[in-house]
Amino acid sequence: MAKYKIAWLPGDGIGVDVLDAARIVLEKTQLDAEYIPGDIGWEFWCKEGDAFPARTVELLKNVDAAMFGAITSKPVKAANAELAPALQGKGL
């Protein structure tokens, strides 16, 4: 069992690249860690109407640290237009 649990939250765009590079560095240090993926960002806003789902909050309560890449957003009207149809206009 790994000594540390780290939430892995790449998010959107450059965040994925940033955390890919961070992982290389962390592996070179031989850090005894388990990297646990978490959901955050634009993809989850579009699918679920929530860029920071409750399951991610719960994940963060149960880890030693988190690595966060980056997220993006759009103005409210543009963001609402990209939500799944069932979520549009709900004020999420």
N, C-alpha and C. Protein backbone atom coordinates (compact mmCIF):
# COMPACT_ATOMS: atom_id res chain seq x y z
N MET A 1 0.84 -1.18 0.00
CA MET A 1 0.00 0.00 0.00
C MET A 1 0.88 1.25 0.00
N ALA A 2 0.50 2.19 -0.84
CA ALA A 2 1.28 3.42 -0.96
C ALA A 2 1.20 4.26 0.31
N LYS A 3 2.26 4.98 0.59
CA LYS A 3 2.32 5.82 1.77
C LYS A 3 1.38 7.02 1.65
N TYR A 4 1.30 7.60 0.44
CA TYR A 4 0.48 8.78 0.22
C TYR A 4 -0.61 8.50 -0.81
N LYS A 5 -1.76 9.12 -0.61
CA LYS A 5 -2.84 9.10 -1.59
C LYS A 5 -2.95 10.51 -2.16
N ILE A 6 -2.86 10.61 -3.48
CA ILE A 6 -2.90 11.91 -4.14
C ILE A 6 -4.04 11.93 -5.14
N ALA A 7 -4.96 12.87 -4.96
CA ALA A 7 -6.04 13.06 -5.95
C ALA A 7 -5.41 13.66 -7.20
N TRP A 8 -5.76 13.09 -8.34
CA TRP A 8 -5.17 13.51 -9.62
C TRP A 8 -6.27 14.18 -10.43
N LEU A 9 -6.21 15.51 -10.53
CA LEU A 9 -7.27 16.31 -11.14
C LEU A 9 -6.71 17.13 -12.32
N PRO A 10 -6.55 16.51 -13.48
CA PRO A 10 -5.97 17.23 -14.60
C PRO A 10 -6.85 18.36 -15.13
N GLY A 11 -8.16 18.18 -15.09
CA GLY A 11 -9.06 19.22 -15.58
C GLY A 11 -9.06 19.29 -17.10
N ASP A 12 -8.89 20.49 -17.62
CA ASP A 12 -9.05 20.75 -19.05
C ASP A 12 -7.77 21.27 -19.70
N GLY A 13 -7.74 21.15 -21.02
CA GLY A 13 -6.69 21.78 -21.82
C GLY A 13 -5.28 21.51 -21.34
N ILE A 14 -4.57 22.58 -21.06
CA ILE A 14 -3.17 22.48 -20.66
C ILE A 14 -3.00 21.74 -19.34
N GLY A 15 -4.06 21.66 -18.55
CA GLY A 15 -3.99 20.95 -17.27
C GLY A 15 -3.57 19.50 -17.44
N VAL A 16 -4.04 18.87 -18.50
CA VAL A 16 -3.67 17.48 -18.78
C VAL A 16 -2.17 17.39 -19.04
N ASP A 17 -1.65 18.30 -19.84
CA ASP A 17 -0.21 18.31 -20.15
C ASP A 17 0.63 18.61 -18.92
N VAL A 18 0.17 19.56 -18.12
CA VAL A 18 0.90 19.93 -16.91
C VAL A 18 1.01 18.74 -15.96
N LEU A 19 -0.09 18.03 -15.78
CA LEU A 19 -0.03 16.89 -14.86
C LEU A 19 0.72 15.70 -15.45
N ASP A 20 0.71 15.56 -16.76
CA ASP A 20 1.56 14.53 -17.37
C ASP A 20 3.02 14.79 -17.03
N ALA A 21 3.44 16.05 -17.14
CA ALA A 21 4.82 16.42 -16.82
C ALA A 21 5.09 16.26 -15.32
N ALA A 22 4.13 16.64 -14.50
CA ALA A 22 4.30 16.50 -13.04
C ALA A 22 4.46 15.04 -12.66
N ARG A 23 3.72 14.18 -13.32
CA ARG A 23 3.81 12.74 -13.01
C ARG A 23 5.20 12.20 -13.31
N ILE A 24 5.80 12.66 -14.39
CA ILE A 24 7.17 12.24 -14.72
C ILE A 24 8.13 12.63 -13.59
N VAL A 25 7.99 13.86 -13.12
CA VAL A 25 8.86 14.35 -12.04
C VAL A 25 8.62 13.55 -10.76
N LEU A 26 7.35 13.34 -10.41
CA LEU A 26 7.05 12.60 -9.19
C LEU A 26 7.56 11.17 -9.25
N GLU A 27 7.45 10.55 -10.40
CA GLU A 27 7.95 9.18 -10.54
C GLU A 27 9.47 9.13 -10.43
N LYS A 28 10.16 10.16 -10.93
CA LYS A 28 11.62 10.21 -10.82
C LYS A 28 12.06 10.33 -9.36
N THR A 29 11.23 10.95 -8.53
CA THR A 29 11.58 11.08 -7.11
C THR A 29 11.28 9.80 -6.32
N GLN A 30 10.64 8.85 -6.98
CA GLN A 30 10.25 7.58 -6.37
C GLN A 30 9.34 7.79 -5.17
N LEU A 31 8.49 8.80 -5.26
CA LEU A 31 7.52 9.06 -4.22
C LEU A 31 6.58 7.86 -4.11
N ASP A 32 6.41 7.37 -2.90
CA ASP A 32 5.54 6.22 -2.65
C ASP A 32 4.11 6.72 -2.58
N ALA A 33 3.45 6.79 -3.73
CA ALA A 33 2.12 7.39 -3.79
C ALA A 33 1.19 6.61 -4.70
N GLU A 34 -0.08 6.71 -4.35
CA GLU A 34 -1.15 6.20 -5.21
C GLU A 34 -1.84 7.43 -5.78
N TYR A 35 -1.97 7.48 -7.10
CA TYR A 35 -2.60 8.61 -7.77
C TYR A 35 -4.03 8.22 -8.11
N ILE A 36 -4.99 8.92 -7.53
CA ILE A 36 -6.40 8.59 -7.67
C ILE A 36 -7.07 9.63 -8.57
N PRO A 37 -7.56 9.23 -9.73
CA PRO A 37 -8.16 10.20 -10.65
C PRO A 37 -9.46 10.78 -10.10
N GLY A 38 -9.64 12.08 -10.34
CA GLY A 38 -10.87 12.76 -9.93
C GLY A 38 -11.43 13.56 -11.09
N ASP A 39 -12.72 13.84 -11.00
CA ASP A 39 -13.44 14.55 -12.05
C ASP A 39 -13.55 16.03 -11.72
N ILE A 40 -13.14 16.87 -12.68
CA ILE A 40 -13.24 18.31 -12.50
C ILE A 40 -13.11 18.97 -13.87
N GLY A 41 -13.83 20.05 -14.06
CA GLY A 41 -13.63 20.84 -15.26
C GLY A 41 -14.79 20.90 -16.22
N TRP A 42 -14.48 21.44 -17.39
CA TRP A 42 -15.47 21.74 -18.42
C TRP A 42 -16.21 20.49 -18.89
N GLU A 43 -15.51 19.39 -19.06
CA GLU A 43 -16.15 18.14 -19.51
C GLU A 43 -17.31 17.77 -18.58
N PHE A 44 -17.11 17.94 -17.30
CA PHE A 44 -18.13 17.55 -16.33
C PHE A 44 -19.23 18.60 -16.24
N TRP A 45 -18.89 19.86 -16.52
CA TRP A 45 -19.91 20.89 -16.62
C TRP A 45 -20.85 20.56 -17.78
N CYS A 46 -20.29 20.19 -18.91
CA CYS A 46 -21.11 19.88 -20.09
C CYS A 46 -21.97 18.64 -19.88
N LYS A 47 -21.43 17.63 -19.25
CA LYS A 47 -22.16 16.37 -19.07
C LYS A 47 -23.15 16.42 -17.91
N GLU A 48 -22.76 17.10 -16.83
CA GLU A 48 -23.51 16.99 -15.58
C GLU A 48 -24.00 18.32 -15.02
N GLY A 49 -23.52 19.42 -15.60
CA GLY A 49 -23.89 20.72 -15.06
C GLY A 49 -23.15 21.07 -13.79
N ASP A 50 -22.03 20.40 -13.55
CA ASP A 50 -21.26 20.63 -12.33
C ASP A 50 -19.78 20.40 -12.64
N ALA A 51 -19.00 21.48 -12.60
CA ALA A 51 -17.58 21.37 -12.91
C ALA A 51 -16.77 20.78 -11.75
N PHE A 52 -17.38 20.72 -10.58
CA PHE A 52 -16.71 20.22 -9.37
C PHE A 52 -17.69 19.31 -8.64
N PRO A 53 -17.88 18.10 -9.18
CA PRO A 53 -18.90 17.20 -8.63
C PRO A 53 -18.66 16.80 -7.17
N ALA A 54 -19.74 16.47 -6.50
CA ALA A 54 -19.67 16.07 -5.08
C ALA A 54 -18.73 14.89 -4.89
N ARG A 55 -18.66 13.98 -5.86
CA ARG A 55 -17.76 12.83 -5.71
C ARG A 55 -16.30 13.26 -5.65
N THR A 56 -15.98 14.37 -6.32
CA THR A 56 -14.61 14.89 -6.27
C THR A 56 -14.34 15.52 -4.90
N VAL A 57 -15.31 16.21 -4.37
CA VAL A 57 -15.18 16.77 -3.02
C VAL A 57 -14.93 15.63 -2.03
N GLU A 58 -15.70 14.57 -2.15
CA GLU A 58 -15.52 13.41 -1.25
C GLU A 58 -14.13 12.79 -1.42
N LEU A 59 -13.67 12.68 -2.66
CA LEU A 59 -12.32 12.17 -2.91
C LEU A 59 -11.30 13.02 -2.17
N LEU A 60 -11.44 14.33 -2.27
CA LEU A 60 -10.47 15.23 -1.64
C LEU A 60 -10.46 15.11 -0.12
N LYS A 61 -11.55 14.69 0.46
CA LYS A 61 -11.60 14.49 1.92
C LYS A 61 -10.83 13.26 2.36
N ASN A 62 -10.48 12.40 1.41
CA ASN A 62 -9.88 11.11 1.76
C ASN A 62 -8.49 10.90 1.18
N VAL A 63 -7.82 11.98 0.82
CA VAL A 63 -6.46 11.87 0.29
C VAL A 63 -5.53 12.78 1.10
N ASP A 64 -4.24 12.57 0.88
CA ASP A 64 -3.24 13.38 1.57
C ASP A 64 -2.93 14.68 0.85
N ALA A 65 -3.13 14.66 -0.46
CA ALA A 65 -2.80 15.83 -1.27
C ALA A 65 -3.57 15.75 -2.59
N ALA A 66 -3.54 16.84 -3.34
CA ALA A 66 -4.17 16.86 -4.66
C ALA A 66 -3.25 17.57 -5.64
N MET A 67 -3.23 17.05 -6.83
CA MET A 67 -2.53 17.71 -7.94
C MET A 67 -3.61 18.19 -8.90
N PHE A 68 -3.64 19.49 -9.14
CA PHE A 68 -4.66 20.11 -9.97
C PHE A 68 -3.99 20.77 -11.17
N GLY A 69 -4.52 20.48 -12.36
CA GLY A 69 -3.97 21.06 -13.58
C GLY A 69 -4.57 22.42 -13.87
N ALA A 70 -5.66 22.45 -14.62
CA ALA A 70 -6.31 23.71 -14.99
C ALA A 70 -7.73 23.42 -15.45
N ILE A 71 -8.59 24.41 -15.33
CA ILE A 71 -9.93 24.28 -15.89
C ILE A 71 -10.24 25.52 -16.70
N THR A 72 -11.25 25.42 -17.51
CA THR A 72 -11.67 26.54 -18.33
C THR A 72 -13.16 26.76 -18.13
N SER A 73 -13.61 27.90 -18.53
CA SER A 73 -15.05 28.17 -18.47
C SER A 73 -15.39 29.17 -19.56
N LYS A 74 -16.66 29.33 -19.77
CA LYS A 74 -17.16 30.29 -20.74
C LYS A 74 -18.17 31.18 -20.03
N PRO A 75 -18.56 32.28 -20.66
CA PRO A 75 -19.63 33.09 -20.08
C PRO A 75 -20.89 32.25 -19.88
N VAL A 76 -21.75 32.64 -18.95
CA VAL A 76 -22.90 31.86 -18.54
C VAL A 76 -23.76 31.40 -19.73
N LYS A 77 -24.12 32.31 -20.64
CA LYS A 77 -24.99 31.92 -21.76
C LYS A 77 -24.31 30.90 -22.66
N ALA A 78 -23.04 31.08 -22.94
CA ALA A 78 -22.32 30.13 -23.79
C ALA A 78 -22.17 28.78 -23.08
N ALA A 79 -21.90 28.83 -21.79
CA ALA A 79 -21.76 27.59 -21.04
C ALA A 79 -23.08 26.82 -21.00
N ASN A 80 -24.16 27.52 -20.76
CA ASN A 80 -25.48 26.88 -20.70
C ASN A 80 -25.81 26.20 -22.03
N ALA A 81 -25.42 26.81 -23.14
CA ALA A 81 -25.71 26.24 -24.45
C ALA A 81 -24.98 24.92 -24.68
N GLU A 82 -23.89 24.69 -23.98
CA GLU A 82 -23.13 23.46 -24.17
C GLU A 82 -23.49 22.35 -23.19
N LEU A 83 -24.39 22.64 -22.27
CA LEU A 83 -24.85 21.60 -21.35
C LEU A 83 -25.67 20.55 -22.09
N ALA A 84 -25.72 19.38 -21.51
CA ALA A 84 -26.63 18.36 -22.02
C ALA A 84 -28.03 18.97 -22.03
N PRO A 85 -28.85 18.67 -23.04
CA PRO A 85 -30.18 19.29 -23.14
C PRO A 85 -31.01 19.19 -21.86
N ALA A 86 -30.93 18.10 -21.16
CA ALA A 86 -31.72 17.92 -19.93
C ALA A 86 -31.29 18.88 -18.82
N LEU A 87 -30.09 19.44 -18.93
CA LEU A 87 -29.58 20.33 -17.89
C LEU A 87 -29.69 21.81 -18.24
N GLN A 88 -29.98 22.12 -19.49
CA GLN A 88 -30.04 23.52 -19.93
C GLN A 88 -31.16 24.26 -19.22
N GLY A 89 -30.85 25.50 -18.85
CA GLY A 89 -31.84 26.36 -18.23
C GLY A 89 -32.15 26.05 -16.77
N LYS A 90 -31.38 25.20 -16.16
CA LYS A 90 -31.64 24.80 -14.76
C LYS A 90 -30.92 25.71 -13.76
N GLY A 91 -30.10 26.62 -14.27
CA GLY A 91 -29.40 27.52 -13.37
C GLY A 91 -28.27 26.87 -12.61
N LEU A 92 -27.70 25.82 -13.16
CA LEU A 92 -26.63 25.10 -12.50
C LEU A 92 -25.33 25.83 -12.64
